[in-house]
């Protein structure tokens, strides 16, 4: 049985193109000046349990709008990866950074670990690697694309992920900048054990 374009096991249906996942995400026309209301309605809908893109999750969970994302490139929306200094001024952590700073300084930067802690699994579309690292980098020999992976830790070295068949893998933070090619899922539908999130270096 297929739910939201994925089989019950969480993988794309046979014969489908995992790279096509981002095609159903937000496009240039969805991010045009005429379409902000369509994005607002999509992000505000109660879609618990359904996979969402990283962009959709930031809009629904962190209060971002279309103006917080970059539009230049073949697979928008995009975001920046940056760092956030803690109030203690002794710790620095990776964060999602808005393309445009708004009046809410705490909305312009969202801690990656805190945001991803709201989700149980992440799936990466090959487009994220193709855009960040060049043509030919979106292959199964580089990373387990199209598989739901549990997030074990977040640090400047990347996301520490774990998959039942893949074992431990690391996702470079740069790939998260292609917010239309990163899929997140809530709910305990993963076969992987739930491991607490840690801030790893």
Protein backbone atom coordinates (compact mmCIF):
# COMPACT_ATOMS: atom_id res chain seq x y z
CA UNK A 1 0.00 0.00 0.00
CA UNK A 2 1.26 3.46 -0.86
CA UNK A 3 0.90 6.51 1.40
CA UNK A 4 1.94 9.94 0.14
CA UNK A 5 4.07 8.50 -2.68
CA UNK A 6 5.86 6.01 -0.39
CA UNK A 7 5.27 2.35 0.37
CA UNK A 8 4.46 1.16 3.90
CA UNK A 9 8.16 0.36 4.36
CA UNK A 10 8.90 4.04 3.76
CA UNK A 11 10.58 3.57 0.38
CA UNK A 12 9.44 4.96 -2.97
CA UNK A 13 7.25 2.54 -4.97
CA UNK A 14 9.07 0.24 -7.38
CA UNK A 15 9.70 1.83 -10.73
CA UNK A 16 9.64 5.33 -9.27
CA UNK A 17 12.50 7.75 -9.34
CA UNK A 18 13.70 8.72 -5.84
CA UNK A 19 15.17 11.82 -7.48
CA UNK A 20 11.63 12.76 -8.41
CA UNK A 21 10.75 13.38 -4.77
CA UNK A 22 11.77 17.01 -5.03
CA UNK A 23 9.60 17.45 -8.11
CA UNK A 24 6.54 17.31 -5.84
CA UNK A 25 8.10 19.92 -3.56
CA UNK A 26 8.01 23.66 -3.97
CA UNK A 27 9.03 24.99 -7.37
CA UNK A 28 9.83 28.39 -8.82
CA UNK A 29 6.15 28.96 -9.50
CA UNK A 30 5.25 27.97 -5.93
CA UNK A 31 7.72 30.54 -4.65
CA UNK A 32 6.69 33.30 -7.03
CA UNK A 33 5.24 36.52 -5.69
CA UNK A 34 1.77 35.38 -6.73
CA UNK A 35 1.84 32.17 -4.69
CA UNK A 36 2.62 32.99 -1.01
CA UNK A 37 -0.93 32.19 0.03
CA UNK A 38 -0.68 28.71 -1.50
CA UNK A 39 2.48 28.06 0.50
CA UNK A 40 0.91 29.40 3.68
CA UNK A 41 -2.07 27.07 3.29
CA UNK A 42 0.14 24.06 2.60
CA UNK A 43 2.47 24.71 5.53
CA UNK A 44 -0.36 25.49 7.96
CA UNK A 45 -2.37 22.35 7.23
CA UNK A 46 -2.34 19.55 9.77
CA UNK A 47 -0.25 16.96 7.99
CA UNK A 48 0.99 14.99 11.01
CA UNK A 49 2.47 11.69 9.97
CA UNK A 50 2.95 12.75 6.34
CA UNK A 51 6.47 13.40 5.06
CA UNK A 52 7.27 17.09 4.58
CA UNK A 53 10.18 18.88 2.99
CA UNK A 54 12.65 20.74 5.18
CA UNK A 55 11.26 24.01 3.80
CA UNK A 56 7.69 23.06 4.74
CA UNK A 57 8.81 22.05 8.23
CA UNK A 58 10.55 25.38 8.83
CA UNK A 59 7.43 27.21 7.70
CA UNK A 60 5.10 25.24 9.95
CA UNK A 61 7.37 24.76 12.98
CA UNK A 62 9.64 27.84 13.00
CA UNK A 63 7.33 30.46 11.48
CA UNK A 64 9.40 31.03 8.35
CA UNK A 65 7.74 32.33 5.19
CA UNK A 66 8.65 32.15 1.50
CA UNK A 67 10.74 35.31 1.91
CA UNK A 68 13.16 33.47 4.24
CA UNK A 69 14.30 31.15 1.44
CA UNK A 70 16.55 31.68 -1.57
CA UNK A 71 15.04 31.15 -5.02
CA UNK A 72 18.11 31.22 -7.27
CA UNK A 73 18.82 27.76 -8.65
CA UNK A 74 17.12 24.79 -10.27
CA UNK A 75 15.48 23.31 -7.14
CA UNK A 76 14.31 26.08 -4.79
CA UNK A 77 13.70 26.81 -2.00
CA UNK A 78 17.19 27.10 -0.51
CA UNK A 79 18.45 28.04 2.94
CA UNK A 80 21.82 28.80 4.43
CA UNK A 81 23.73 26.72 6.93
CA UNK A 82 25.37 28.79 9.63
CA UNK A 83 26.27 28.84 13.29
CA UNK A 84 24.46 30.08 16.35
CA UNK A 85 26.22 31.32 19.47
CA UNK A 86 24.53 30.29 22.70
CA UNK A 87 23.60 32.86 25.34
CA UNK A 88 26.47 31.60 27.50
CA UNK A 89 28.85 32.69 24.68
CA UNK A 90 30.80 29.47 25.23
CA UNK A 91 29.04 27.16 22.78
CA UNK A 92 28.42 27.39 19.05
CA UNK A 93 25.99 25.13 17.20
CA UNK A 94 24.97 24.56 13.57
CA UNK A 95 21.78 26.30 12.47
CA UNK A 96 19.51 26.92 9.51
CA UNK A 97 19.91 30.57 8.54
CA UNK A 98 17.36 32.63 6.65
CA UNK A 99 18.35 34.27 3.37
CA UNK A 100 16.74 37.43 4.70
CA UNK A 101 16.92 38.61 8.28
CA UNK A 102 13.56 39.58 9.66
CA UNK A 103 12.49 41.53 12.72
CA UNK A 104 12.32 38.36 14.76
CA UNK A 105 16.03 37.66 15.31
CA UNK A 106 15.27 34.27 16.82
CA UNK A 107 13.40 33.23 13.67
CA UNK A 108 16.28 34.14 11.35
CA UNK A 109 18.38 31.31 12.77
CA UNK A 110 16.99 27.95 13.85
CA UNK A 111 19.20 25.41 15.64
CA UNK A 112 19.45 22.30 13.45
CA UNK A 113 19.48 19.89 16.41
CA UNK A 114 16.38 21.47 17.99
CA UNK A 115 14.44 21.53 14.73
CA UNK A 116 15.28 17.96 13.68
CA UNK A 117 14.49 16.66 17.20
CA UNK A 118 10.80 17.14 16.27
CA UNK A 119 11.10 14.44 13.59
CA UNK A 120 11.81 10.73 13.72
CA UNK A 121 13.39 10.19 10.32
CA UNK A 122 15.01 11.98 7.38
CA UNK A 123 15.25 11.02 3.72
CA UNK A 124 17.60 12.68 1.22
CA UNK A 125 16.83 13.16 -2.46
CA UNK A 126 19.84 12.74 -4.80
CA UNK A 127 19.22 16.30 -6.06
CA UNK A 128 20.69 17.64 -2.81
CA UNK A 129 24.07 16.05 -3.56
CA UNK A 130 23.96 16.82 -7.29
CA UNK A 131 23.48 20.52 -6.55
CA UNK A 132 25.95 20.80 -3.69
CA UNK A 133 28.74 18.51 -4.82
CA UNK A 134 28.34 18.27 -8.61
CA UNK A 135 26.99 15.94 -11.29
CA UNK A 136 27.33 12.24 -10.58
CA UNK A 137 27.34 12.67 -6.79
CA UNK A 138 23.71 11.59 -6.37
CA UNK A 139 24.39 7.86 -6.60
CA UNK A 140 23.83 5.01 -4.15
CA UNK A 141 27.61 4.53 -3.84
CA UNK A 142 27.88 8.03 -2.32
CA UNK A 143 24.90 8.00 0.09
CA UNK A 144 21.77 5.87 0.77
CA UNK A 145 19.26 8.10 -1.06
CA UNK A 146 15.55 7.36 -0.77
CA UNK A 147 15.89 5.54 2.58
CA UNK A 148 14.39 6.76 5.86
CA UNK A 149 17.23 7.25 8.34
CA UNK A 150 17.12 8.00 12.08
CA UNK A 151 18.96 11.14 13.21
CA UNK A 152 21.46 10.28 15.94
CA UNK A 153 23.46 13.49 16.26
CA UNK A 154 24.08 16.93 14.81
CA UNK A 155 27.44 18.67 14.62
CA UNK A 156 29.57 20.76 12.30
CA UNK A 157 30.92 17.50 10.85
CA UNK A 158 27.42 16.66 9.59
CA UNK A 159 24.32 14.73 10.62
CA UNK A 160 25.00 11.34 12.14
CA UNK A 161 22.31 9.05 10.73
CA UNK A 162 21.45 5.38 11.12
CA UNK A 163 19.50 3.04 8.89
CA UNK A 164 18.44 -0.55 9.45
CA UNK A 165 20.12 -1.73 6.24
CA UNK A 166 22.69 1.04 5.87
CA UNK A 167 24.12 1.22 9.38
CA UNK A 168 25.79 4.47 10.46
CA UNK A 169 26.20 7.18 7.80
CA UNK A 170 27.09 10.88 7.90
CA UNK A 171 25.27 13.54 5.89
CA UNK A 172 27.31 16.70 5.17
CA UNK A 173 25.46 19.79 6.40
CA UNK A 174 25.86 21.47 2.99
CA UNK A 175 23.26 19.11 1.50
CA UNK A 176 20.60 20.52 3.85
CA UNK A 177 20.76 23.84 1.98
CA UNK A 178 18.58 22.33 -0.79
CA UNK A 179 15.46 22.47 1.39
CA UNK A 180 13.22 21.00 -1.33
CA UNK A 181 15.28 17.78 -1.48
CA UNK A 182 15.25 16.93 2.25
CA UNK A 183 12.26 15.00 3.58
CA UNK A 184 11.30 14.68 7.25
CA UNK A 185 8.80 12.36 8.90
CA UNK A 186 7.12 12.38 12.31
CA UNK A 187 5.70 9.32 13.99
CA UNK A 188 7.33 6.12 15.12
CA UNK A 189 7.09 4.30 11.81
CA UNK A 190 10.83 3.65 11.59
CA UNK A 191 12.23 0.23 12.30
CA UNK A 192 15.37 1.84 13.69
CA UNK A 193 15.66 2.33 17.45
CA UNK A 194 14.95 5.84 18.75
CA UNK A 195 18.27 7.29 19.89
CA UNK A 196 18.46 10.59 21.79
CA UNK A 197 19.74 13.60 19.84
CA UNK A 198 23.19 14.83 20.80
CA UNK A 199 25.21 17.82 19.79
CA UNK A 200 28.30 16.23 18.32
CA UNK A 201 31.40 18.06 17.11
